[in-house]
C-alpha atoms as a PDB file:
ATOM      1  CA  MET A   1     238.424  -0.851  83.030  1.00  0.00           C
ATOM      2  CA  ALA A   2     239.885  -1.093  86.405  1.00  0.00           C
ATOM      3  CA  ASP A   3     242.096   1.806  87.197  1.00  0.00           C
ATOM      4  CA  ILE A   4     242.348   2.392  90.678  1.00  0.00           C
ATOM      5  CA  ASP A   5     243.242  -0.410  93.427  1.00  0.00           C
ATOM      6  CA  ILE A   6     241.812   0.128  96.870  1.00  0.00           C
ATOM      7  CA  LYS A   7     242.947  -1.865 100.016  1.00  0.00           C
ATOM      8  CA  CYS A   8     240.571  -2.746 102.707  1.00  0.00           C
ATOM      9  CA  PRO A   9     241.416  -1.611 106.070  1.00  0.00           C
ATOM     10  CA  GLU A  10     239.890  -4.746 107.541  1.00  0.00           C
ATOM     11  CA  CYS A  11     241.056  -7.734 105.419  1.00  0.00           C
ATOM     12  CA  ASP A  12     243.569  -6.103 103.201  1.00  0.00           C
ATOM     13  CA  ALA A  13     241.756  -7.195 100.110  1.00  0.00           C
ATOM     14  CA  ILE A  14     242.379  -5.240  96.889  1.00  0.00           C
ATOM     15  CA  THR A  15     239.365  -3.888  95.164  1.00  0.00           C
ATOM     16  CA  SER A  16     239.558  -2.425  91.846  1.00  0.00           C
ATOM     17  CA  ILE A  17     237.477   0.267  90.598  1.00  0.00           C
ATOM     18  CA  SER A  18     237.338   2.725  87.429  1.00  0.00           C
ATOM     19  CA  GLU A  19     238.874   5.920  87.639  1.00  0.00           C
ATOM     20  CA  PHE A  20     235.622   7.527  86.458  1.00  0.00           C
ATOM     21  CA  VAL A  21     233.143   6.181  89.090  1.00  0.00           C
ATOM     22  CA  GLU A  22     231.470   8.803  91.243  1.00  0.00           C
ATOM     23  CA  LEU A  23     230.694   6.546  94.300  1.00  0.00           C
ATOM     24  CA  LYS A  24     231.762   7.597  97.790  1.00  0.00           C
ATOM     25  CA  THR A  25     231.637   3.918  99.117  1.00  0.00           C
ATOM     26  CA  ILE A  26     232.204   0.483  97.622  1.00  0.00           C
ATOM     27  CA  THR A  27     231.757  -2.858  99.053  1.00  0.00           C
ATOM     28  CA  CYS A  28     235.000  -4.916  99.817  1.00  0.00           C
ATOM     29  CA  SER A  29     235.374  -7.951  97.497  1.00  0.00           C
ATOM     30  CA  GLY A  30     236.661 -10.047 100.339  1.00  0.00           C
ATOM     31  CA  CYS A  31     234.933  -9.387 103.415  1.00  0.00           C
ATOM     32  CA  GLN A  32     231.747  -7.508 102.123  1.00  0.00           C
ATOM     33  CA  LYS A  33     232.162  -4.596 104.207  1.00  0.00           C
ATOM     34  CA  GLU A  34     231.769  -0.963 102.990  1.00  0.00           C
ATOM     35  CA  ILE A  35     235.061   0.857 102.135  1.00  0.00           C
ATOM     36  CA  VAL A  36     235.113   4.574 101.625  1.00  0.00           C
ATOM     37  CA  VAL A  37     236.489   6.020  98.602  1.00  0.00           C
ATOM     38  CA  PRO A  38     239.196   8.501  98.774  1.00  0.00           C
ATOM     39  CA  GLU A  39     237.932  11.294  96.710  1.00  0.00           C
ATOM     40  CA  LYS A  40     241.235  12.985  96.275  1.00  0.00           C
ATOM     41  CA  GLU A  41     242.991   9.946  95.219  1.00  0.00           C
ATOM     42  CA  VAL A  42     240.105   9.612  92.427  1.00  0.00           C
ATOM     43  CA  GLU A  43     240.321  13.110  91.463  1.00  0.00           C
ATOM     44  CA  VAL A  44     244.023  13.454  91.292  1.00  0.00           C
ATOM     45  CA  LYS A  45     244.477  10.158  89.011  1.00  0.00           C
ATOM     46  CA  THR A  46     241.809  11.223  86.777  1.00  0.00           C
ATOM     47  CA  ILE A  47     243.089  14.684  86.415  1.00  0.00           C
ATOM     48  CA  ASP A  48     246.656  13.095  85.722  1.00  0.00           C
ATOM     49  CA  LYS A  49     245.359  10.926  82.895  1.00  0.00           C
ATOM     50  CA  LEU A  50     243.158  13.530  81.133  1.00  0.00           C
ATOM     51  CA  ARG A  51     245.403  16.560  81.483  1.00  0.00           C
ATOM     52  CA  LEU A  52     248.396  17.172  79.331  1.00  0.00           C
ATOM     53  CA  LYS A  53     251.151  17.905  81.511  1.00  0.00           C
ATOM     54  CA  LYS A  54     253.417  20.800  80.561  1.00  0.00           C
ATOM     55  CA  LYS A  55     257.120  19.278  80.334  1.00  0.00           C
ATOM     56  CA  GLU A  56     259.895  21.383  81.748  1.00  0.00           C
ATOM     57  CA  ILE A  57     263.104  21.824  79.687  1.00  0.00           C
ATOM     58  CA  PRO A  58     266.012  20.587  81.833  1.00  0.00           C
ATOM     59  CA  GLU A  59     269.019  22.816  81.431  1.00  0.00           C
ATOM     60  CA  GLU A  60     271.696  21.919  79.022  1.00  0.00           C
ATOM     61  CA  GLY A  61     274.310  19.999  80.578  1.00  0.00           C
ATOM     62  CA  SER A  62     272.040  18.777  83.568  1.00  0.00           C
ATOM     63  CA  GLU A  63     271.483  15.338  84.543  1.00  0.00           C
ATOM     64  CA  GLU A  64     267.839  15.250  83.222  1.00  0.00           C
ATOM     65  CA  ALA A  65     269.233  16.543  79.964  1.00  0.00           C
ATOM     66  CA  GLU A  66     271.690  13.760  79.496  1.00  0.00           C
ATOM     67  CA  VAL A  67     269.092  11.240  80.697  1.00  0.00           C
ATOM     68  CA  ASP A  68     266.343  12.554  77.892  1.00  0.00           C
ATOM     69  CA  PRO A  69     267.350  11.621  74.473  1.00  0.00           C
ATOM     70  CA  TYR A  70     264.836  14.226  73.176  1.00  0.00           C
ATOM     71  CA  PHE A  71     266.014  17.080  74.897  1.00  0.00           C
ATOM     72  CA  LYS A  72     267.264  19.924  72.629  1.00  0.00           C
ATOM     73  CA  PRO A  73     268.158  23.502  74.096  1.00  0.00           C
ATOM     74  CA  PRO A  74     266.151  26.333  72.969  1.00  0.00           C
ATOM     75  CA  LYS A  75     267.543  27.992  69.872  1.00  0.00           C
ATOM     76  CA  PRO A  76     269.297  31.136  70.776  1.00  0.00           C
ATOM     77  CA  MET A  77     268.866  34.630  68.846  1.00  0.00           C
ATOM     78  CA  LYS A  78     271.447  35.086  66.160  1.00  0.00           C
ATOM     79  CA  PRO A  79     274.061  37.452  67.616  1.00  0.00           C
ATOM     80  CA  LYS A  80     275.709  39.981  65.129  1.00  0.00           C
ATOM     81  CA  LYS A  81     278.776  39.739  63.924  1.00  0.00           C
ATOM     82  CA  ASP A  82     281.608  41.720  66.014  1.00  0.00           C
ATOM     83  CA  PHE A  83     283.697  43.017  62.830  1.00  0.00           C
ATOM     84  CA  THR A  84     287.441  44.084  63.541  1.00  0.00           C
ATOM     85  CA  ILE A  85     288.805  47.281  62.222  1.00  0.00           C
ATOM     86  CA  GLY A  86     290.779  45.237  59.763  1.00  0.00           C
ATOM     87  CA  GLN A  87     287.542  43.658  58.469  1.00  0.00           C
ATOM     88  CA  HIS A  88     285.971  47.613  58.220  1.00  0.00           C
ATOM     89  CA  ILE A  89     288.937  48.593  56.173  1.00  0.00           C
ATOM     90  CA  ILE A  90     288.657  45.583  54.005  1.00  0.00           C
ATOM     91  CA  ALA A  91     284.834  46.459  53.312  1.00  0.00           C
ATOM     92  CA  TRP A  92     286.001  50.030  52.485  1.00  0.00           C
ATOM     93  CA  VAL A  93     288.767  49.078  49.947  1.00  0.00           C
ATOM     94  CA  ILE A  94     286.262  46.906  48.319  1.00  0.00           C
ATOM     95  CA  PHE A  95     283.698  49.400  48.158  1.00  0.00           C
ATOM     96  CA  LEU A  96     285.990  52.093  46.945  1.00  0.00           C
ATOM     97  CA  GLY A  97     287.710  49.956  44.438  1.00  0.00           C
ATOM     98  CA  LEU A  98     284.693  48.429  43.083  1.00  0.00           C
ATOM     99  CA  SER A  99     282.819  51.847  42.642  1.00  0.00           C
ATOM    100  CA  ALA A 100     285.661  53.256  41.065  1.00  0.00           C
ATOM    101  CA  LEU A 101     285.678  50.300  38.389  1.00  0.00           C
ATOM    102  CA  MET A 102     281.985  50.377  37.870  1.00  0.00           C
ATOM    103  CA  PHE A 103     282.187  54.334  37.447  1.00  0.00           C
ATOM    104  CA  TYR A 104     284.550  54.121  34.249  1.00  0.00           C
ATOM    105  CA  MET A 105     282.669  51.143  32.876  1.00  0.00           C
ATOM    106  CA  ARG A 106     279.439  52.743  32.937  1.00  0.00           C
ATOM    107  CA  TYR A 107     280.362  56.513  32.362  1.00  0.00           C
ATOM    108  CA  GLN A 108     283.652  56.745  30.584  1.00  0.00           C
ATOM    109  CA  ASP A 109     284.483  55.720  26.944  1.00  0.00           C
ATOM    110  CA  PHE A 110     287.911  53.662  27.204  1.00  0.00           C
ATOM    111  CA  LEU A 111     286.648  50.579  28.827  1.00  0.00           C
ATOM    112  CA  LEU A 112     283.381  49.530  27.371  1.00  0.00           C
ATOM    113  CA  ASP A 113     281.821  50.413  23.993  1.00  0.00           C
ATOM    114  CA  ASP A 114     278.163  51.373  23.679  1.00  0.00           C
ATOM    115  CA  THR A 115     277.072  48.115  23.100  1.00  0.00           C
ATOM    116  CA  GLN A 116     278.578  46.618  26.233  1.00  0.00           C
ATOM    117  CA  ARG A 117     277.194  49.666  28.362  1.00  0.00           C
ATOM    118  CA  GLU A 118     273.759  49.124  27.139  1.00  0.00           C
ATOM    119  CA  MET A 119     274.056  45.558  27.902  1.00  0.00           C
ATOM    120  CA  MET A 120     275.243  46.654  31.369  1.00  0.00           C
ATOM    121  CA  ALA A 121     272.169  48.942  31.733  1.00  0.00           C
ATOM    122  CA  THR A 122     269.917  45.886  30.934  1.00  0.00           C
ATOM    123  CA  TYR A 123     271.308  43.669  33.539  1.00  0.00           C
ATOM    124  CA  ALA A 124     271.357  46.510  36.424  1.00  0.00           C
ATOM    125  CA  PRO A 125     267.823  45.722  37.433  1.00  0.00           C
ATOM    126  CA  MET A 126     268.785  42.077  37.512  1.00  0.00           C
ATOM    127  CA  VAL A 127     271.436  42.826  39.798  1.00  0.00           C
ATOM    128  CA  VAL A 128     268.992  44.623  42.148  1.00  0.00           C
ATOM    129  CA  ILE A 129     266.488  41.846  42.262  1.00  0.00           C
ATOM    130  CA  ALA A 130     269.372  39.230  43.225  1.00  0.00           C
ATOM    131  CA  PHE A 131     270.478  41.424  46.047  1.00  0.00           C
ATOM    132  CA  HIS A 132     266.749  41.394  46.959  1.00  0.00           C
ATOM    133  CA  ILE A 133     266.286  37.821  47.035  1.00  0.00           C
ATOM    134  CA  LEU A 134     269.639  37.371  49.087  1.00  0.00           C
ATOM    135  CA  MET A 135     268.523  39.916  51.613  1.00  0.00           C
ATOM    136  CA  VAL A 136     265.071  38.371  52.142  1.00  0.00           C
ATOM    137  CA  LEU A 137     266.910  35.015  52.923  1.00  0.00           C
ATOM    138  CA  LYS A 138     269.557  36.855  55.068  1.00  0.00           C
ATOM    139  CA  ALA A 139     266.585  38.562  57.070  1.00  0.00           C
ATOM    140  CA  PHE A 140     264.544  35.414  57.751  1.00  0.00           C
ATOM    141  CA  SER A 141     267.723  33.621  58.858  1.00  0.00           C
ATOM    142  CA  ASP A 142     268.487  36.617  61.401  1.00  0.00           C
ATOM    143  CA  ASN A 143     264.763  37.592  62.533  1.00  0.00           C
ATOM    144  CA  VAL A 144     261.337  36.566  60.984  1.00  0.00           C
ATOM    145  CA  MET A 145     259.929  39.926  61.581  1.00  0.00           C
ATOM    146  CA  HIS A 146     262.602  41.388  59.277  1.00  0.00           C
ATOM    147  CA  GLY A 147     262.291  38.657  56.918  1.00  0.00           C
ATOM    148  CA  VAL A 148     258.572  39.517  56.451  1.00  0.00           C
ATOM    149  CA  LEU A 149     258.966  43.088  55.967  1.00  0.00           C
ATOM    150  CA  ALA A 150     261.681  42.200  53.460  1.00  0.00           C
ATOM    151  CA  LEU A 151     259.509  40.381  51.379  1.00  0.00           C
ATOM    152  CA  LEU A 152     256.335  42.307  51.628  1.00  0.00           C
ATOM    153  CA  VAL A 153     257.724  45.930  51.917  1.00  0.00           C
ATOM    154  CA  PRO A 154     259.093  47.309  48.374  1.00  0.00           C
ATOM    155  CA  GLY A 155     262.811  48.511  49.225  1.00  0.00           C
ATOM    156  CA  TYR A 156     262.852  47.176  52.757  1.00  0.00           C
ATOM    157  CA  SER A 157     265.465  44.607  51.534  1.00  0.00           C
ATOM    158  CA  ILE A 158     267.854  47.544  50.363  1.00  0.00           C
ATOM    159  CA  ILE A 159     267.268  49.279  53.678  1.00  0.00           C
ATOM    160  CA  TYR A 160     268.002  46.062  55.492  1.00  0.00           C
ATOM    161  CA  LEU A 161     271.341  45.525  53.695  1.00  0.00           C
ATOM    162  CA  MET A 162     272.544  49.119  53.809  1.00  0.00           C
ATOM    163  CA  PHE A 163     271.285  50.099  57.720  1.00  0.00           C
ATOM    164  CA  ILE A 164     270.334  47.015  59.497  1.00  0.00           C
ATOM    165  CA  CYS A 165     272.252  43.927  58.386  1.00  0.00           C
ATOM    166  CA  ASP A 166     275.871  43.229  59.773  1.00  0.00           C
ATOM    167  CA  ASP A 167     277.121  41.837  56.406  1.00  0.00           C
ATOM    168  CA  PHE A 168     279.695  44.743  55.734  1.00  0.00           C
ATOM    169  CA  TYR A 169     281.114  42.852  52.789  1.00  0.00           C
ATOM    170  CA  ALA A 170     277.800  42.377  50.926  1.00  0.00           C
ATOM    171  CA  ARG A 171     276.940  45.992  51.710  1.00  0.00           C
ATOM    172  CA  ALA A 172     280.364  47.070  50.279  1.00  0.00           C
ATOM    173  CA  VAL A 173     279.832  44.824  47.229  1.00  0.00           C
ATOM    174  CA  PHE A 174     275.996  46.117  46.589  1.00  0.00           C
ATOM    175  CA  ALA A 175     277.054  50.030  47.050  1.00  0.00           C
ATOM    176  CA  GLY A 176     279.930  49.711  44.726  1.00  0.00           C
ATOM    177  CA  LEU A 177     277.897  47.993  41.939  1.00  0.00           C
ATOM    178  CA  MET A 178     275.165  50.641  42.306  1.00  0.00           C
ATOM    179  CA  VAL A 179     277.728  53.186  41.423  1.00  0.00           C
ATOM    180  CA  GLY A 180     277.668  52.036  37.875  1.00  0.00           C
ATOM    181  CA  MET A 181     274.195  50.154  37.816  1.00  0.00           C
ATOM    182  CA  GLY A 182     271.996  52.350  40.259  1.00  0.00           C
ATOM    183  CA  GLU A 183     270.841  54.895  37.748  1.00  0.00           C
ATOM    184  CA  ASP A 184     269.832  52.409  35.108  1.00  0.00           C
ATOM    185  CA  ALA A 185     268.431  50.031  37.634  1.00  0.00           C
ATOM    186  CA  TRP A 186     266.156  52.751  39.294  1.00  0.00           C
ATOM    187  CA  ALA A 187     264.968  53.770  35.626  1.00  0.00           C
ATOM    188  CA  SER A 188     264.117  50.243  34.694  1.00  0.00           C
ATOM    189  CA  ILE A 189     262.196  49.447  37.924  1.00  0.00           C
ATOM    190  CA  SER A 190     260.687  53.044  38.137  1.00  0.00           C
ATOM    191  CA  ALA A 191     259.186  52.487  34.602  1.00  0.00           C
ATOM    192  CA  TYR A 192     258.189  48.973  35.348  1.00  0.00           C
ATOM    193  CA  PHE A 193     256.013  50.188  38.197  1.00  0.00           C
ATOM    194  CA  ALA A 194     254.663  53.303  36.669  1.00  0.00           C
ATOM    195  CA  GLY A 195     253.457  50.999  33.803  1.00  0.00           C
ATOM    196  CA  ILE A 196     251.718  48.763  36.694  1.00  0.00           C
ATOM    197  CA  TYR A 197     250.440  52.164  38.067  1.00  0.00           C
ATOM    198  CA  ASP A 198     248.956  53.043  34.599  1.00  0.00           C
ATOM    199  CA  THR A 199     247.353  50.072  33.616  1.00  0.00           C
ATOM    200  CA  ILE A 200     245.535  49.860  37.491  1.00  0.00           C
ATOM    201  CA  THR A 201     244.619  53.519  36.981  1.00  0.00           C
ATOM    202  CA  GLY A 202     243.275  52.838  33.539  1.00  0.00           C
ATOM    203  CA  TRP A 203     241.077  49.626  34.728  1.00  0.00           C
ATOM    204  CA  LEU A 204     239.678  51.818  37.705  1.00  0.00           C
ATOM    205  CA  SER A 205     238.701  54.586  35.371  1.00  0.00           C
ATOM    206  CA  TRP A 206     237.390  52.322  32.444  1.00  0.00           C
ATOM    207  CA  GLU A 207     233.966  52.716  31.948  1.00  0.00           C
END
């Protein structure tokens, strides 16, 4: 396949050669005289065809970006929300109101009876698991590393919610719910992991 056209300096005839030839001179197809093959030209063209060039990303709004239909600006890091004092006050009101309600529902007798409180205790670990799933998704949307830690490290999703995440409303709702459900959720989850530990320990010590 002819890829390089070389013009004879004597008769101006065009001679085509393959880009992969290693000849230093060729014979002109017109006047039959020898033509020196420019080595740099062959080398540059060969490299251009075989090497993948790194495409520079044009700046957003530039002429290159407007011409290139496939241009997509780099996705910036998701900034944290700038909460106002009013939003902080609303979060505190949600926490105090919900925590008071949950305390009276769980530990007082005039709002719920024993059967309803037992049902509330049964659903407590499910609430924690639901918040865990939500926080894993939230952490992945904010930062992949936090998402991996929330998914793999036990309890990190709660740490992310209470100390790292910028969603004050979710933090207030979770903290308020845990006033009435935290003790039951902790007891259920602890018993579950204790059972797993006893099973593994018994399996390892089995002879």
